Amino acid sequence: MPERLRPTFELLDKAVTEVYEGRLAPQRASAMASLAGTMVKIVKAGENTNFSLPPQFHYKGVDEIYAMIRGYRRIVPPLAGLTQESSREDVNKALDEWEAAHGKGRLPTEFI
């Protein structure tokens, strides 16, 4: 038993006697035991330092595929309706139209 858990074990040992003698409510002792069980799980999880996951795919070229997927995440899509030829005036006009329709300072309520 880890030294750190000895006081908890002693407390639970005492609680068993107190429940038997009627000095401690069984519900309270059950809650104590549940919390102690959670403590043990946390300690055991801390002892397991091997957090590596097995590979998801077992075929040649998987690293290149993951790199390609990460690359797609970095692509910023262009604003809808605007092209490379759009001027600053076109952009400002589109923003003014949006503000007229939705109000200034309000964000859209829908999102992906």
N, C-alpha and C. Protein backbone atom coordinates (compact mmCIF):
# COMPACT_ATOMS: atom_id res chain seq x y z
N MET A 1 0.85 -1.17 0.00
CA MET A 1 0.00 0.00 0.00
C MET A 1 0.89 1.24 0.00
N PRO A 2 0.58 2.22 -0.85
CA PRO A 2 1.38 3.46 -0.81
C PRO A 2 1.26 4.14 0.55
N GLU A 3 2.35 4.65 1.02
CA GLU A 3 2.39 5.31 2.33
C GLU A 3 1.35 6.41 2.43
N ARG A 4 1.12 7.08 1.33
CA ARG A 4 0.18 8.19 1.29
C ARG A 4 -1.25 7.76 1.61
N LEU A 5 -1.60 6.49 1.31
CA LEU A 5 -2.96 6.02 1.52
C LEU A 5 -3.17 5.36 2.88
N ARG A 6 -2.14 5.18 3.66
CA ARG A 6 -2.29 4.54 4.98
C ARG A 6 -3.29 5.26 5.89
N PRO A 7 -3.24 6.61 6.01
CA PRO A 7 -4.23 7.27 6.87
C PRO A 7 -5.67 7.05 6.38
N THR A 8 -5.86 7.00 5.08
CA THR A 8 -7.20 6.76 4.55
C THR A 8 -7.66 5.36 4.89
N PHE A 9 -6.75 4.38 4.77
CA PHE A 9 -7.10 3.01 5.12
C PHE A 9 -7.48 2.91 6.59
N GLU A 10 -6.70 3.56 7.45
CA GLU A 10 -6.99 3.52 8.88
C GLU A 10 -8.34 4.17 9.20
N LEU A 11 -8.66 5.25 8.50
CA LEU A 11 -9.94 5.91 8.69
C LEU A 11 -11.10 5.00 8.28
N LEU A 12 -10.94 4.30 7.14
CA LEU A 12 -11.98 3.38 6.69
C LEU A 12 -12.10 2.18 7.64
N ASP A 13 -10.98 1.72 8.15
CA ASP A 13 -11.00 0.62 9.11
C ASP A 13 -11.79 1.02 10.36
N LYS A 14 -11.56 2.23 10.82
CA LYS A 14 -12.29 2.74 11.98
C LYS A 14 -13.78 2.91 11.65
N ALA A 15 -14.09 3.34 10.42
CA ALA A 15 -15.48 3.54 10.01
C ALA A 15 -16.25 2.23 10.01
N VAL A 16 -15.60 1.12 9.63
CA VAL A 16 -16.26 -0.19 9.65
C VAL A 16 -16.74 -0.51 11.06
N THR A 17 -15.88 -0.28 12.02
CA THR A 17 -16.24 -0.55 13.42
C THR A 17 -17.38 0.37 13.87
N GLU A 18 -17.31 1.65 13.50
CA GLU A 18 -18.33 2.60 13.92
C GLU A 18 -19.68 2.30 13.28
N VAL A 19 -19.70 1.84 12.05
CA VAL A 19 -20.96 1.45 11.42
C VAL A 19 -21.52 0.23 12.15
N TYR A 20 -20.67 -0.72 12.45
CA TYR A 20 -21.10 -1.93 13.15
C TYR A 20 -21.70 -1.60 14.52
N GLU A 21 -21.09 -0.64 15.20
CA GLU A 21 -21.56 -0.25 16.53
C GLU A 21 -22.71 0.75 16.48
N GLY A 22 -23.08 1.23 15.30
CA GLY A 22 -24.19 2.17 15.16
C GLY A 22 -23.83 3.62 15.41
N ARG A 23 -22.55 3.96 15.47
CA ARG A 23 -22.13 5.34 15.72
C ARG A 23 -21.91 6.13 14.44
N LEU A 24 -21.92 5.46 13.28
CA LEU A 24 -21.72 6.12 11.99
C LEU A 24 -22.78 5.63 11.02
N ALA A 25 -23.42 6.57 10.33
CA ALA A 25 -24.46 6.20 9.37
C ALA A 25 -23.85 5.43 8.20
N PRO A 26 -24.49 4.33 7.78
CA PRO A 26 -23.96 3.55 6.67
C PRO A 26 -23.79 4.37 5.39
N GLN A 27 -24.68 5.34 5.16
CA GLN A 27 -24.58 6.18 3.96
C GLN A 27 -23.29 7.01 3.99
N ARG A 28 -22.95 7.49 5.15
CA ARG A 28 -21.72 8.28 5.27
C ARG A 28 -20.50 7.39 5.05
N ALA A 29 -20.51 6.21 5.60
CA ALA A 29 -19.39 5.27 5.40
C ALA A 29 -19.29 4.87 3.93
N SER A 30 -20.44 4.72 3.27
CA SER A 30 -20.43 4.37 1.84
C SER A 30 -19.82 5.50 1.02
N ALA A 31 -20.15 6.74 1.37
CA ALA A 31 -19.56 7.89 0.66
C ALA A 31 -18.06 7.93 0.89
N MET A 32 -17.61 7.65 2.10
CA MET A 32 -16.17 7.62 2.39
C MET A 32 -15.47 6.56 1.56
N ALA A 33 -16.08 5.38 1.49
CA ALA A 33 -15.47 4.29 0.72
C ALA A 33 -15.41 4.63 -0.76
N SER A 34 -16.45 5.29 -1.26
CA SER A 34 -16.46 5.68 -2.67
C SER A 34 -15.34 6.68 -2.97
N LEU A 35 -15.18 7.66 -2.10
CA LEU A 35 -14.11 8.64 -2.28
C LEU A 35 -12.73 7.99 -2.19
N ALA A 36 -12.57 7.06 -1.26
CA ALA A 36 -11.29 6.36 -1.13
C ALA A 36 -11.00 5.54 -2.38
N GLY A 37 -12.03 4.90 -2.94
CA GLY A 37 -11.85 4.15 -4.19
C GLY A 37 -11.39 5.04 -5.32
N THR A 38 -11.94 6.26 -5.39
CA THR A 38 -11.51 7.21 -6.40
C THR A 38 -10.06 7.62 -6.18
N MET A 39 -9.67 7.80 -4.93
CA MET A 39 -8.28 8.14 -4.63
C MET A 39 -7.33 7.05 -5.11
N VAL A 40 -7.70 5.80 -4.88
CA VAL A 40 -6.87 4.67 -5.31
C VAL A 40 -6.73 4.68 -6.83
N LYS A 41 -7.82 4.94 -7.55
CA LYS A 41 -7.77 4.98 -9.01
C LYS A 41 -6.83 6.08 -9.49
N ILE A 42 -6.88 7.23 -8.84
CA ILE A 42 -6.00 8.33 -9.22
C ILE A 42 -4.54 7.97 -8.97
N VAL A 43 -4.25 7.36 -7.84
CA VAL A 43 -2.88 6.95 -7.55
C VAL A 43 -2.39 5.95 -8.57
N LYS A 44 -3.24 4.96 -8.91
CA LYS A 44 -2.84 3.96 -9.90
C LYS A 44 -2.62 4.59 -11.27
N ALA A 45 -3.45 5.56 -11.63
CA ALA A 45 -3.28 6.24 -12.91
C ALA A 45 -1.96 7.00 -12.94
N GLY A 46 -1.57 7.57 -11.80
CA GLY A 46 -0.30 8.29 -11.72
C GLY A 46 0.90 7.38 -11.82
N GLU A 47 0.73 6.13 -11.40
CA GLU A 47 1.84 5.17 -11.49
C GLU A 47 2.07 4.69 -12.91
N ASN A 48 1.02 4.71 -13.73
CA ASN A 48 1.13 4.28 -15.11
C ASN A 48 1.64 5.44 -15.94
N THR A 49 2.93 5.43 -16.27
CA THR A 49 3.53 6.52 -17.02
C THR A 49 3.58 6.24 -18.51
N ASN A 50 3.09 5.11 -18.95
CA ASN A 50 3.10 4.78 -20.37
C ASN A 50 1.79 5.26 -21.00
N PHE A 51 1.82 6.50 -21.52
CA PHE A 51 0.62 7.08 -22.09
C PHE A 51 0.61 7.00 -23.62
N SER A 52 1.50 6.23 -24.21
CA SER A 52 1.54 6.17 -25.67
C SER A 52 0.39 5.32 -26.20
N LEU A 53 -0.16 5.77 -27.29
CA LEU A 53 -1.25 5.04 -27.93
C LEU A 53 -0.69 4.23 -29.10
N PRO A 54 -1.27 3.09 -29.38
CA PRO A 54 -0.82 2.33 -30.54
C PRO A 54 -1.19 3.09 -31.82
N PRO A 55 -0.45 2.88 -32.88
CA PRO A 55 -0.77 3.56 -34.13
C PRO A 55 -2.18 3.20 -34.58
N GLN A 56 -2.87 4.19 -35.16
CA GLN A 56 -4.23 3.95 -35.62
C GLN A 56 -4.24 3.23 -36.96
N PHE A 57 -3.24 3.50 -37.78
CA PHE A 57 -3.17 2.87 -39.10
C PHE A 57 -1.85 2.12 -39.20
N HIS A 58 -1.88 0.97 -39.84
CA HIS A 58 -0.68 0.17 -39.98
C HIS A 58 -0.34 -0.01 -41.46
N TYR A 59 -0.05 1.08 -42.14
CA TYR A 59 0.38 0.94 -43.52
C TYR A 59 1.39 2.03 -43.86
N LYS A 60 2.09 1.80 -44.94
CA LYS A 60 3.15 2.69 -45.36
C LYS A 60 2.58 4.04 -45.80
N GLY A 61 3.20 5.12 -45.39
CA GLY A 61 2.78 6.45 -45.81
C GLY A 61 1.81 7.15 -44.87
N VAL A 62 1.56 6.57 -43.71
CA VAL A 62 0.58 7.17 -42.80
C VAL A 62 1.05 8.54 -42.30
N ASP A 63 2.35 8.73 -42.11
CA ASP A 63 2.86 10.02 -41.64
C ASP A 63 2.59 11.12 -42.66
N GLU A 64 2.72 10.78 -43.94
CA GLU A 64 2.44 11.78 -44.98
C GLU A 64 0.96 12.15 -45.01
N ILE A 65 0.10 11.18 -44.77
CA ILE A 65 -1.34 11.46 -44.78
C ILE A 65 -1.69 12.38 -43.60
N TYR A 66 -1.13 12.10 -42.42
CA TYR A 66 -1.39 12.97 -41.28
C TYR A 66 -0.84 14.38 -41.53
N ALA A 67 0.31 14.49 -42.16
CA ALA A 67 0.88 15.80 -42.47
C ALA A 67 -0.03 16.55 -43.44
N MET A 68 -0.61 15.84 -44.41
CA MET A 68 -1.53 16.46 -45.36
C MET A 68 -2.79 16.97 -44.64
N ILE A 69 -3.32 16.18 -43.72
CA ILE A 69 -4.51 16.59 -42.96
C ILE A 69 -4.20 17.82 -42.12
N ARG A 70 -3.03 17.82 -41.46
CA ARG A 70 -2.66 18.99 -40.67
C ARG A 70 -2.50 20.21 -41.57
N GLY A 71 -2.02 20.03 -42.78
CA GLY A 71 -1.89 21.13 -43.73
C GLY A 71 -3.23 21.72 -44.11
N TYR A 72 -4.24 20.86 -44.30
CA TYR A 72 -5.58 21.35 -44.63
C TYR A 72 -6.14 22.22 -43.51
N ARG A 73 -5.82 21.90 -42.29
CA ARG A 73 -6.34 22.68 -41.16
C ARG A 73 -5.77 24.09 -41.14
N ARG A 74 -4.64 24.30 -41.79
CA ARG A 74 -4.00 25.62 -41.79
C ARG A 74 -4.49 26.52 -42.91
N ILE A 75 -5.26 25.98 -43.83
CA ILE A 75 -5.74 26.78 -44.96
C ILE A 75 -6.88 27.67 -44.49
N VAL A 76 -6.77 28.96 -44.74
CA VAL A 76 -7.83 29.90 -44.37
C VAL A 76 -8.71 30.11 -45.59
N PRO A 77 -10.01 29.80 -45.48
CA PRO A 77 -10.89 29.96 -46.63
C PRO A 77 -11.12 31.44 -46.93
N PRO A 78 -11.30 31.79 -48.21
CA PRO A 78 -11.57 33.19 -48.54
C PRO A 78 -12.99 33.57 -48.12
N LEU A 79 -13.23 34.86 -47.95
CA LEU A 79 -14.57 35.32 -47.64
C LEU A 79 -15.50 35.04 -48.81
N ALA A 80 -16.69 34.60 -48.52
CA ALA A 80 -17.66 34.28 -49.57
C ALA A 80 -18.01 35.54 -50.35
N GLY A 81 -18.04 35.42 -51.66
CA GLY A 81 -18.44 36.53 -52.52
C GLY A 81 -17.31 37.46 -52.92
N LEU A 82 -16.18 37.36 -52.28
CA LEU A 82 -15.07 38.23 -52.62
C LEU A 82 -14.05 37.45 -53.44
N THR A 83 -13.46 38.13 -54.37
CA THR A 83 -12.46 37.49 -55.24
C THR A 83 -11.14 38.22 -55.08
N GLN A 84 -10.15 37.73 -55.79
CA GLN A 84 -8.83 38.37 -55.77
C GLN A 84 -8.92 39.79 -56.33
N GLU A 85 -9.90 40.01 -57.21
CA GLU A 85 -10.04 41.32 -57.84
C GLU A 85 -10.84 42.29 -56.98
N SER A 86 -11.37 41.86 -55.86
CA SER A 86 -12.17 42.74 -55.01
C SER A 86 -11.29 43.85 -54.46
N SER A 87 -11.81 45.07 -54.55
CA SER A 87 -11.05 46.21 -54.05
C SER A 87 -11.43 46.48 -52.60
N ARG A 88 -10.68 47.36 -51.98
CA ARG A 88 -10.98 47.74 -50.61
C ARG A 88 -12.37 48.36 -50.53
N GLU A 89 -12.74 49.10 -51.57
CA GLU A 89 -14.07 49.71 -51.58
C GLU A 89 -15.16 48.64 -51.62
N ASP A 90 -14.94 47.56 -52.38
CA ASP A 90 -15.92 46.47 -52.44
C ASP A 90 -16.08 45.82 -51.07
N VAL A 91 -14.96 45.62 -50.39
CA VAL A 91 -15.00 45.00 -49.07
C VAL A 91 -15.74 45.91 -48.09
N ASN A 92 -15.40 47.20 -48.09
CA ASN A 92 -16.06 48.14 -47.19
C ASN A 92 -17.55 48.25 -47.49
N LYS A 93 -17.92 48.20 -48.77
CA LYS A 93 -19.34 48.26 -49.13
C LYS A 93 -20.07 47.02 -48.60
N ALA A 94 -19.43 45.85 -48.73
CA ALA A 94 -20.04 44.61 -48.23
C ALA A 94 -20.20 44.66 -46.71
N LEU A 95 -19.21 45.21 -46.03
CA LEU A 95 -19.30 45.34 -44.57
C LEU A 95 -20.40 46.32 -44.18
N ASP A 96 -20.51 47.43 -44.91
CA ASP A 96 -21.57 48.41 -44.62
C ASP A 96 -22.95 47.79 -44.82
N GLU A 97 -23.10 46.99 -45.88
CA GLU A 97 -24.39 46.32 -46.13
C GLU A 97 -24.71 45.34 -45.02
N TRP A 98 -23.69 44.63 -44.54
CA TRP A 98 -23.93 43.68 -43.45
C TRP A 98 -24.34 44.42 -42.18
N GLU A 99 -23.64 45.52 -41.87
CA GLU A 99 -23.99 46.29 -40.68
C GLU A 99 -25.39 46.87 -40.79
N ALA A 100 -25.80 47.29 -41.99
CA ALA A 100 -27.14 47.82 -42.17
C ALA A 100 -28.19 46.74 -41.94
N ALA A 101 -27.88 45.52 -42.34
CA ALA A 101 -28.84 44.42 -42.19
C ALA A 101 -28.85 43.85 -40.78
N HIS A 102 -27.71 43.82 -40.13
CA HIS A 102 -27.61 43.12 -38.83
C HIS A 102 -27.32 44.03 -37.65
N GLY A 103 -26.97 45.25 -37.90
CA GLY A 103 -26.65 46.16 -36.81
C GLY A 103 -25.16 46.16 -36.53
N LYS A 104 -24.69 47.27 -36.03
CA LYS A 104 -23.26 47.41 -35.76
C LYS A 104 -22.90 46.76 -34.44
N GLY A 105 -21.81 46.04 -34.41
CA GLY A 105 -21.32 45.43 -33.19
C GLY A 105 -21.97 44.11 -32.82
N ARG A 106 -22.88 43.63 -33.60
CA ARG A 106 -23.51 42.33 -33.32
C ARG A 106 -22.80 41.25 -34.12
N LEU A 107 -22.58 40.15 -33.49
CA LEU A 107 -21.98 39.01 -34.17
C LEU A 107 -23.07 38.10 -34.69
N PRO A 108 -22.81 37.35 -35.74
CA PRO A 108 -23.81 36.38 -36.22
C PRO A 108 -24.11 35.37 -35.13
N THR A 109 -25.32 34.87 -35.11
CA THR A 109 -25.71 33.91 -34.07
C THR A 109 -25.52 32.48 -34.52
N GLU A 110 -25.28 32.26 -35.78
CA GLU A 110 -25.08 30.91 -36.27
C GLU A 110 -23.60 30.66 -36.49
N PHE A 111 -23.20 29.42 -36.27
CA PHE A 111 -21.81 29.05 -36.49
C PHE A 111 -21.75 27.58 -36.83
N ILE A 112 -20.61 27.18 -37.34
CA ILE A 112 -20.42 25.79 -37.73
C ILE A 112 -19.87 25.03 -36.57
